[in-house]
Amino acid sequence: MKLSDYGVEITRVKNGFACKYPSSNDVREFFETEVFSDDDADELASGEALLWMIIDFFSIGGSRYDAARLRIAREPGDKYEGPETGGKETE
């Protein structure tokens, strides 16, 4: 049985996200925990890293040869007025 046949337990903790998943040694009794820490300078970083880990863990991202594949993209909010939009609302 491959590692991705198991699940991932995600918990929101004070400083980010904690993920518990089976160890890569294929023994069900052993788990690894990875923490994705919040970053004051980049409030989306921990969530973005968490999503990439889930995509990689379950091998659901697709490949460059597939007709379609998943991606995680950042874009300005609908009502954001800042330097990336020239100070104007996006449409």
PDB file of N, CA and C in Angstrom:
ATOM      1  N   MET A   1       0.842  -1.176   0.000  1.00  0.00           N
ATOM      2  CA  MET A   1       0.000   0.000   0.000  1.00  0.00           C
ATOM      3  C   MET A   1       0.888   1.240   0.000  1.00  0.00           C
ATOM      4  N   LYS A   2       0.603   2.174  -0.894  1.00  0.00           N
ATOM      5  CA  LYS A   2       1.427   3.371  -0.967  1.00  0.00           C
ATOM      6  C   LYS A   2       1.003   4.408   0.066  1.00  0.00           C
ATOM      7  N   LEU A   3       1.906   5.319   0.373  1.00  0.00           N
ATOM      8  CA  LEU A   3       1.687   6.320   1.415  1.00  0.00           C
ATOM      9  C   LEU A   3       0.421   7.130   1.177  1.00  0.00           C
ATOM     10  N   SER A   4       0.128   7.480  -0.052  1.00  0.00           N
ATOM     11  CA  SER A   4      -1.021   8.334  -0.316  1.00  0.00           C
ATOM     12  C   SER A   4      -2.358   7.607  -0.156  1.00  0.00           C
ATOM     13  N   ASP A   5      -2.345   6.302   0.149  1.00  0.00           N
ATOM     14  CA  ASP A   5      -3.580   5.588   0.451  1.00  0.00           C
ATOM     15  C   ASP A   5      -4.090   5.941   1.841  1.00  0.00           C
ATOM     16  N   TYR A   6      -3.324   6.672   2.597  1.00  0.00           N
ATOM     17  CA  TYR A   6      -3.697   7.087   3.939  1.00  0.00           C
ATOM     18  C   TYR A   6      -4.201   8.519   3.907  1.00  0.00           C
ATOM     19  N   GLY A   7      -4.641   8.986   5.060  1.00  0.00           N
ATOM     20  CA  GLY A   7      -5.165  10.342   5.150  1.00  0.00           C
ATOM     21  C   GLY A   7      -4.205  11.308   5.790  1.00  0.00           C
ATOM     22  N   VAL A   8      -4.599  12.553   5.794  1.00  0.00           N
ATOM     23  CA  VAL A   8      -3.860  13.635   6.425  1.00  0.00           C
ATOM     24  C   VAL A   8      -4.799  14.293   7.417  1.00  0.00           C
ATOM     25  N   GLU A   9      -4.319  14.525   8.627  1.00  0.00           N
ATOM     26  CA  GLU A   9      -5.101  15.225   9.634  1.00  0.00           C
ATOM     27  C   GLU A   9      -4.561  16.641   9.744  1.00  0.00           C
ATOM     28  N   ILE A  10      -5.419  17.634   9.492  1.00  0.00           N
ATOM     29  CA  ILE A  10      -5.006  19.036   9.511  1.00  0.00           C
ATOM     30  C   ILE A  10      -5.687  19.739  10.675  1.00  0.00           C
ATOM     31  N   THR A  11      -4.893  20.449  11.466  1.00  0.00           N
ATOM     32  CA  THR A  11      -5.413  21.188  12.600  1.00  0.00           C
ATOM     33  C   THR A  11      -4.926  22.629  12.509  1.00  0.00           C
ATOM     34  N   ARG A  12      -5.847  23.567  12.696  1.00  0.00           N
ATOM     35  CA  ARG A  12      -5.454  24.982  12.743  1.00  0.00           C
ATOM     36  C   ARG A  12      -4.922  25.234  14.143  1.00  0.00           C
ATOM     37  N   VAL A  13      -3.679  25.657  14.240  1.00  0.00           N
ATOM     38  CA  VAL A  13      -3.059  25.962  15.521  1.00  0.00           C
ATOM     39  C   VAL A  13      -2.802  27.460  15.590  1.00  0.00           C
ATOM     40  N   LYS A  14      -2.353  27.921  16.737  1.00  0.00           N
ATOM     41  CA  LYS A  14      -2.186  29.358  16.966  1.00  0.00           C
ATOM     42  C   LYS A  14      -1.308  30.040  15.915  1.00  0.00           C
ATOM     43  N   ASN A  15      -0.253  29.364  15.480  1.00  0.00           N
ATOM     44  CA  ASN A  15       0.707  30.001  14.570  1.00  0.00           C
ATOM     45  C   ASN A  15       0.707  29.405  13.164  1.00  0.00           C
ATOM     46  N   GLY A  16      -0.363  28.733  12.758  1.00  0.00           N
ATOM     47  CA  GLY A  16      -0.407  28.177  11.410  1.00  0.00           C
ATOM     48  C   GLY A  16      -1.253  26.925  11.333  1.00  0.00           C
ATOM     49  N   PHE A  17      -0.738  25.925  10.636  1.00  0.00           N
ATOM     50  CA  PHE A  17      -1.433  24.651  10.451  1.00  0.00           C
ATOM     51  C   PHE A  17      -0.492  23.517  10.832  1.00  0.00           C
ATOM     52  N   ALA A  18      -1.024  22.509  11.524  1.00  0.00           N
ATOM     53  CA  ALA A  18      -0.262  21.303  11.836  1.00  0.00           C
ATOM     54  C   ALA A  18      -0.874  20.152  11.046  1.00  0.00           C
ATOM     55  N   CYS A  19      -0.033  19.413  10.332  1.00  0.00           N
ATOM     56  CA  CYS A  19      -0.493  18.280   9.535  1.00  0.00           C
ATOM     57  C   CYS A  19       0.149  17.007  10.053  1.00  0.00           C
ATOM     58  N   LYS A  20      -0.682  16.030  10.317  1.00  0.00           N
ATOM     59  CA  LYS A  20      -0.208  14.729  10.784  1.00  0.00           C
ATOM     60  C   LYS A  20      -0.515  13.721   9.685  1.00  0.00           C
ATOM     61  N   TYR A  21       0.491  12.957   9.304  1.00  0.00           N
ATOM     62  CA  TYR A  21       0.314  11.976   8.234  1.00  0.00           C
ATOM     63  C   TYR A  21       1.222  10.782   8.485  1.00  0.00           C
ATOM     64  N   PRO A  22       0.913   9.637   7.857  1.00  0.00           N
ATOM     65  CA  PRO A  22       1.717   8.437   8.083  1.00  0.00           C
ATOM     66  C   PRO A  22       3.171   8.633   7.660  1.00  0.00           C
ATOM     67  N   SER A  23       4.061   8.038   8.416  1.00  0.00           N
ATOM     68  CA  SER A  23       5.480   8.101   8.098  1.00  0.00           C
ATOM     69  C   SER A  23       5.740   7.380   6.782  1.00  0.00           C
ATOM     70  N   SER A  24       6.744   7.804   6.072  1.00  0.00           N
ATOM     71  CA  SER A  24       7.060   7.192   4.775  1.00  0.00           C
ATOM     72  C   SER A  24       7.630   5.788   4.896  1.00  0.00           C
ATOM     73  N   ASN A  25       7.859   5.295   6.128  1.00  0.00           N
ATOM     74  CA  ASN A  25       8.390   3.937   6.271  1.00  0.00           C
ATOM     75  C   ASN A  25       7.293   2.881   6.180  1.00  0.00           C
ATOM     76  N   ASP A  26       6.057   3.301   5.817  1.00  0.00           N
ATOM     77  CA  ASP A  26       4.928   2.393   5.586  1.00  0.00           C
ATOM     78  C   ASP A  26       4.475   1.628   6.823  1.00  0.00           C
ATOM     79  N   VAL A  27       4.776   2.130   7.998  1.00  0.00           N
ATOM     80  CA  VAL A  27       4.300   1.506   9.220  1.00  0.00           C
ATOM     81  C   VAL A  27       3.184   2.384   9.765  1.00  0.00           C
ATOM     82  N   ARG A  28       1.991   1.851   9.887  1.00  0.00           N
ATOM     83  CA  ARG A  28       0.817   2.638  10.267  1.00  0.00           C
ATOM     84  C   ARG A  28       0.933   3.288  11.642  1.00  0.00           C
ATOM     85  N   GLU A  29       1.697   2.705  12.537  1.00  0.00           N
ATOM     86  CA  GLU A  29       1.774   3.217  13.892  1.00  0.00           C
ATOM     87  C   GLU A  29       2.599   4.501  14.005  1.00  0.00           C
ATOM     88  N   PHE A  30       3.395   4.824  13.011  1.00  0.00           N
ATOM     89  CA  PHE A  30       4.270   5.985  13.087  1.00  0.00           C
ATOM     90  C   PHE A  30       3.747   7.106  12.200  1.00  0.00           C
ATOM     91  N   PHE A  31       3.698   8.281  12.785  1.00  0.00           N
ATOM     92  CA  PHE A  31       3.223   9.442  12.050  1.00  0.00           C
ATOM     93  C   PHE A  31       4.250  10.555  12.113  1.00  0.00           C
ATOM     94  N   GLU A  32       4.219  11.401  11.118  1.00  0.00           N
ATOM     95  CA  GLU A  32       5.053  12.592  11.096  1.00  0.00           C
ATOM     96  C   GLU A  32       4.127  13.801  11.208  1.00  0.00           C
ATOM     97  N   THR A  33       4.621  14.848  11.804  1.00  0.00           N
ATOM     98  CA  THR A  33       3.851  16.087  11.898  1.00  0.00           C
ATOM     99  C   THR A  33       4.669  17.195  11.256  1.00  0.00           C
ATOM    100  N   GLU A  34       4.006  17.948  10.421  1.00  0.00           N
ATOM    101  CA  GLU A  34       4.644  19.085   9.763  1.00  0.00           C
ATOM    102  C   GLU A  34       3.828  20.327  10.086  1.00  0.00           C
ATOM    103  N   VAL A  35       4.506  21.402  10.439  1.00  0.00           N
ATOM    104  CA  VAL A  35       3.824  22.647  10.770  1.00  0.00           C
ATOM    105  C   VAL A  35       4.098  23.676   9.687  1.00  0.00           C
ATOM    106  N   PHE A  36       3.033  24.298   9.221  1.00  0.00           N
ATOM    107  CA  PHE A  36       3.139  25.381   8.254  1.00  0.00           C
ATOM    108  C   PHE A  36       2.846  26.663   9.018  1.00  0.00           C
ATOM    109  N   SER A  37       3.887  27.400   9.339  1.00  0.00           N
ATOM    110  CA  SER A  37       3.778  28.569  10.205  1.00  0.00           C
ATOM    111  C   SER A  37       3.272  29.788   9.459  1.00  0.00           C
ATOM    112  N   ASP A  38       2.419  30.554  10.150  1.00  0.00           N
ATOM    113  CA  ASP A  38       1.957  31.830   9.603  1.00  0.00           C
ATOM    114  C   ASP A  38       3.137  32.786   9.509  1.00  0.00           C
ATOM    115  N   ASP A  39       3.104  33.657   8.519  1.00  0.00           N
ATOM    116  CA  ASP A  39       4.149  34.643   8.302  1.00  0.00           C
ATOM    117  C   ASP A  39       3.494  36.017   8.306  1.00  0.00           C
ATOM    118  N   ASP A  40       3.909  36.873   9.222  1.00  0.00           N
ATOM    119  CA  ASP A  40       3.315  38.210   9.314  1.00  0.00           C
ATOM    120  C   ASP A  40       3.486  39.013   8.032  1.00  0.00           C
ATOM    121  N   ALA A  41       4.570  38.762   7.306  1.00  0.00           N
ATOM    122  CA  ALA A  41       4.837  39.502   6.077  1.00  0.00           C
ATOM    123  C   ALA A  41       4.054  38.950   4.884  1.00  0.00           C
ATOM    124  N   ASP A  42       3.554  37.713   5.003  1.00  0.00           N
ATOM    125  CA  ASP A  42       2.833  37.073   3.895  1.00  0.00           C
ATOM    126  C   ASP A  42       1.730  36.215   4.488  1.00  0.00           C
ATOM    127  N   GLU A  43       0.542  36.781   4.634  1.00  0.00           N
ATOM    128  CA  GLU A  43      -0.535  36.096   5.331  1.00  0.00           C
ATOM    129  C   GLU A  43      -1.096  34.881   4.585  1.00  0.00           C
ATOM    130  N   LEU A  44      -0.766  34.726   3.326  1.00  0.00           N
ATOM    131  CA  LEU A  44      -1.250  33.577   2.554  1.00  0.00           C
ATOM    132  C   LEU A  44      -0.248  32.424   2.501  1.00  0.00           C
ATOM    133  N   ALA A  45       0.979  32.650   2.932  1.00  0.00           N
ATOM    134  CA  ALA A  45       2.051  31.667   2.758  1.00  0.00           C
ATOM    135  C   ALA A  45       1.762  30.315   3.404  1.00  0.00           C
ATOM    136  N   SER A  46       1.260  30.305   4.638  1.00  0.00           N
ATOM    137  CA  SER A  46       1.041  29.022   5.307  1.00  0.00           C
ATOM    138  C   SER A  46      -0.073  28.226   4.634  1.00  0.00           C
ATOM    139  N   GLY A  47      -1.141  28.881   4.245  1.00  0.00           N
ATOM    140  CA  GLY A  47      -2.225  28.196   3.544  1.00  0.00           C
ATOM    141  C   GLY A  47      -1.796  27.695   2.184  1.00  0.00           C
ATOM    142  N   GLU A  48      -1.003  28.486   1.492  1.00  0.00           N
ATOM    143  CA  GLU A  48      -0.503  28.092   0.174  1.00  0.00           C
ATOM    144  C   GLU A  48       0.414  26.865   0.293  1.00  0.00           C
ATOM    145  N   ALA A  49       1.315  26.875   1.264  1.00  0.00           N
ATOM    146  CA  ALA A  49       2.207  25.737   1.481  1.00  0.00           C
ATOM    147  C   ALA A  49       1.416  24.486   1.869  1.00  0.00           C
ATOM    148  N   LEU A  50       0.382  24.665   2.684  1.00  0.00           N
ATOM    149  CA  LEU A  50      -0.477  23.549   3.078  1.00  0.00           C
ATOM    150  C   LEU A  50      -1.167  22.931   1.862  1.00  0.00           C
ATOM    151  N   LEU A  51      -1.711  23.766   0.996  1.00  0.00           N
ATOM    152  CA  LEU A  51      -2.377  23.256  -0.203  1.00  0.00           C
ATOM    153  C   LEU A  51      -1.413  22.494  -1.113  1.00  0.00           C
ATOM    154  N   TRP A  52      -0.195  23.008  -1.286  1.00  0.00           N
ATOM    155  CA  TRP A  52       0.799  22.309  -2.100  1.00  0.00           C
ATOM    156  C   TRP A  52       1.158  20.957  -1.485  1.00  0.00           C
ATOM    157  N   MET A  53       1.261  20.904  -0.151  1.00  0.00           N
ATOM    158  CA  MET A  53       1.576  19.634   0.508  1.00  0.00           C
ATOM    159  C   MET A  53       0.474  18.608   0.246  1.00  0.00           C
ATOM    160  N   ILE A  54      -0.786  19.041   0.313  1.00  0.00           N
ATOM    161  CA  ILE A  54      -1.910  18.129   0.067  1.00  0.00           C
ATOM    162  C   ILE A  54      -1.885  17.630  -1.374  1.00  0.00           C
ATOM    163  N   ILE A  55      -1.651  18.524  -2.314  1.00  0.00           N
ATOM    164  CA  ILE A  55      -1.572  18.132  -3.721  1.00  0.00           C
ATOM    165  C   ILE A  55      -0.456  17.109  -3.930  1.00  0.00           C
ATOM    166  N   ASP A  56       0.711  17.362  -3.346  1.00  0.00           N
ATOM    167  CA  ASP A  56       1.839  16.437  -3.484  1.00  0.00           C
ATOM    168  C   ASP A  56       1.581  15.115  -2.770  1.00  0.00           C
ATOM    169  N   PHE A  57       1.037  15.167  -1.559  1.00  0.00           N
ATOM    170  CA  PHE A  57       0.801  13.965  -0.762  1.00  0.00           C
ATOM    171  C   PHE A  57      -0.111  12.988  -1.486  1.00  0.00           C
ATOM    172  N   PHE A  58      -1.191  13.502  -2.047  1.00  0.00           N
ATOM    173  CA  PHE A  58      -2.153  12.639  -2.717  1.00  0.00           C
ATOM    174  C   PHE A  58      -1.887  12.483  -4.213  1.00  0.00           C
ATOM    175  N   SER A  59      -0.840  13.119  -4.714  1.00  0.00           N
ATOM    176  CA  SER A  59      -0.479  13.044  -6.144  1.00  0.00           C
ATOM    177  C   SER A  59      -1.667  13.389  -7.046  1.00  0.00           C
ATOM    178  N   ILE A  60      -2.303  14.521  -6.750  1.00  0.00           N
ATOM    179  CA  ILE A  60      -3.498  14.907  -7.509  1.00  0.00           C
ATOM    180  C   ILE A  60      -3.270  16.138  -8.375  1.00  0.00           C
ATOM    181  N   GLY A  61      -2.032  16.572  -8.510  1.00  0.00           N
ATOM    182  CA  GLY A  61      -1.764  17.803  -9.237  1.00  0.00           C
ATOM    183  C   GLY A  61      -1.753  17.674 -10.738  1.00  0.00           C
ATOM    184  N   GLY A  62      -1.606  16.454 -11.230  1.00  0.00           N
ATOM    185  CA  GLY A  62      -1.462  16.265 -12.661  1.00  0.00           C
ATOM    186  C   GLY A  62      -0.018  16.513 -13.075  1.00  0.00           C
ATOM    187  N   SER A  63       0.254  16.330 -14.345  1.00  0.00           N
ATOM    188  CA  SER A  63       1.615  16.530 -14.839  1.00  0.00           C
ATOM    189  C   SER A  63       1.601  17.478 -16.029  1.00  0.00           C
ATOM    190  N   ARG A  64       2.766  17.821 -16.473  1.00  0.00           N
ATOM    191  CA  ARG A  64       2.871  18.741 -17.605  1.00  0.00           C
ATOM    192  C   ARG A  64       2.363  18.125 -18.901  1.00  0.00           C
ATOM    193  N   TYR A  65       2.153  16.823 -18.914  1.00  0.00           N
ATOM    194  CA  TYR A  65       1.668  16.140 -20.113  1.00  0.00           C
ATOM    195  C   TYR A  65       0.165  15.879 -20.082  1.00  0.00           C
ATOM    196  N   ASP A  66      -0.495  16.166 -18.974  1.00  0.00           N
ATOM    197  CA  ASP A  66      -1.936  15.946 -18.857  1.00  0.00           C
ATOM    198  C   ASP A  66      -2.713  17.053 -19.564  1.00  0.00           C
ATOM    199  N   ALA A  67      -3.966  16.734 -19.904  1.00  0.00           N
ATOM    200  CA  ALA A  67      -4.833  17.728 -20.543  1.00  0.00           C
ATOM    201  C   ALA A  67      -5.136  18.881 -19.593  1.00  0.00           C
ATOM    202  N   ALA A  68      -5.138  18.612 -18.302  1.00  0.00           N
ATOM    203  CA  ALA A  68      -5.379  19.648 -17.297  1.00  0.00           C
ATOM    204  C   ALA A  68      -4.620  19.272 -16.035  1.00  0.00           C
ATOM    205  N   ARG A  69      -4.255  20.264 -15.263  1.00  0.00           N
ATOM    206  CA  ARG A  69      -3.612  20.021 -13.977  1.00  0.00           C
ATOM    207  C   ARG A  69      -3.993  21.130 -13.013  1.00  0.00           C
ATOM    208  N   LEU A  70      -3.852  20.834 -11.721  1.00  0.00           N
ATOM    209  CA  LEU A  70      -4.189  21.804 -10.691  1.00  0.00           C
ATOM    210  C   LEU A  70      -3.063  22.804 -10.508  1.00  0.00           C
ATOM    211  N   ARG A  71      -3.436  24.001 -10.090  1.00  0.00           N
ATOM    212  CA  ARG A  71      -2.445  25.001  -9.732  1.00  0.00           C
ATOM    213  C   ARG A  71      -3.023  25.876  -8.641  1.00  0.00           C
ATOM    214  N   ILE A  72      -2.151  26.495  -7.906  1.00  0.00           N
ATOM    215  CA  ILE A  72      -2.549  27.433  -6.869  1.00  0.00           C
ATOM    216  C   ILE A  72      -2.040  28.790  -7.331  1.00  0.00           C
ATOM    217  N   ALA A  73      -2.939  29.734  -7.476  1.00  0.00           N
ATOM    218  CA  ALA A  73      -2.555  31.042  -8.013  1.00  0.00           C
ATOM    219  C   ALA A  73      -2.990  32.154  -7.065  1.00  0.00           C
ATOM    220  N   ARG A  74      -2.182  33.186  -6.997  1.00  0.00           N
ATOM    221  CA  ARG A  74      -2.525  34.382  -6.229  1.00  0.00           C
ATOM    222  C   ARG A  74      -2.988  35.457  -7.200  1.00  0.00           C
ATOM    223  N   GLU A  75      -3.998  36.181  -6.771  1.00  0.00           N
ATOM    224  CA  GLU A  75      -4.472  37.303  -7.567  1.00  0.00           C
ATOM    225  C   GLU A  75      -5.038  38.349  -6.625  1.00  0.00           C
ATOM    226  N   PRO A  76      -5.101  39.593  -7.052  1.00  0.00           N
ATOM    227  CA  PRO A  76      -5.648  40.635  -6.188  1.00  0.00           C
ATOM    228  C   PRO A  76      -7.124  40.376  -5.893  1.00  0.00           C
ATOM    229  N   GLY A  77      -7.581  40.792  -4.728  1.00  0.00           N
ATOM    230  CA  GLY A  77      -8.992  40.691  -4.388  1.00  0.00           C
ATOM    231  C   GLY A  77      -9.834  41.576  -5.295  1.00  0.00           C
ATOM    232  N   ASP A  78     -11.115  41.258  -5.404  1.00  0.00           N
ATOM    233  CA  ASP A  78     -12.006  42.003  -6.298  1.00  0.00           C
ATOM    234  C   ASP A  78     -12.057  43.492  -5.989  1.00  0.00           C
ATOM    235  N   LYS A  79     -11.917  43.853  -4.748  1.00  0.00           N
ATOM    236  CA  LYS A  79     -12.009  45.260  -4.348  1.00  0.00           C
ATOM    237  C   LYS A  79     -10.668  45.838  -3.911  1.00  0.00           C
ATOM    238  N   TYR A  80      -9.572  45.135  -4.179  1.00  0.00           N
ATOM    239  CA  TYR A  80      -8.250  45.603  -3.766  1.00  0.00           C
ATOM    240  C   TYR A  80      -7.835  46.820  -4.575  1.00  0.00           C
ATOM    241  N   GLU A  81      -7.389  47.861  -3.869  1.00  0.00           N
ATOM    242  CA  GLU A  81      -6.859  49.049  -4.526  1.00  0.00           C
ATOM    243  C   GLU A  81      -5.436  49.240  -4.022  1.00  0.00           C
ATOM    244  N   GLY A  82      -4.470  48.906  -4.838  1.00  0.00           N
ATOM    245  CA  GLY A  82      -3.093  49.003  -4.426  1.00  0.00           C
ATOM    246  C   GLY A  82      -2.156  49.074  -5.607  1.00  0.00           C
ATOM    247  N   PRO A  83      -0.862  48.976  -5.332  1.00  0.00           N
ATOM    248  CA  PRO A  83       0.134  49.148  -6.391  1.00  0.00           C
ATOM    249  C   PRO A  83       0.034  48.158  -7.544  1.00  0.00           C
ATOM    250  N   GLU A  84      -0.414  46.914  -7.287  1.00  0.00           N
ATOM    251  CA  GLU A  84      -0.480  45.934  -8.366  1.00  0.00           C
ATOM    252  C   GLU A  84      -1.572  46.268  -9.385  1.00  0.00           C
ATOM    253  N   THR A  85      -2.585  47.027  -8.964  1.00  0.00           N
ATOM    254  CA  THR A  85      -3.683  47.373  -9.872  1.00  0.00           C
ATOM    255  C   THR A  85      -3.636  48.846 -10.289  1.00  0.00           C
ATOM    256  N   GLY A  86      -2.565  49.516  -9.948  1.00  0.00           N
ATOM    257  CA  GLY A  86      -2.451  50.931 -10.308  1.00  0.00           C
ATOM    258  C   GLY A  86      -3.373  51.818  -9.495  1.00  0.00           C
ATOM    259  N   GLY A  87      -3.809  51.315  -8.308  1.00  0.00           N
ATOM    260  CA  GLY A  87      -4.684  52.101  -7.456  1.00  0.00           C
ATOM    261  C   GLY A  87      -6.139  52.080  -7.878  1.00  0.00           C
ATOM    262  N   LYS A  88      -6.488  51.247  -8.864  1.00  0.00           N
ATOM    263  CA  LYS A  88      -7.863  51.156  -9.337  1.00  0.00           C
ATOM    264  C   LYS A  88      -8.445  49.786  -8.996  1.00  0.00           C
ATOM    265  N   GLU A  89      -9.755  49.734  -8.871  1.00  0.00           N
ATOM    266  CA  GLU A  89     -10.405  48.448  -8.634  1.00  0.00           C
ATOM    267  C   GLU A  89     -10.215  47.555  -9.845  1.00  0.00           C
ATOM    268  N   THR A  90     -10.101  46.245  -9.573  1.00  0.00           N
ATOM    269  CA  THR A  90     -10.037  45.295 -10.681  1.00  0.00           C
ATOM    270  C   THR A  90     -11.459  45.010 -11.136  1.00  0.00           C
ATOM    271  N   GLU A  91     -11.607  44.589 -12.368  1.00  0.00           N
ATOM    272  CA  GLU A  91     -12.946  44.299 -12.901  1.00  0.00           C
ATOM    273  C   GLU A  91     -13.360  42.887 -12.600  1.00  0.00           C
TER     274      GLU A  91
END
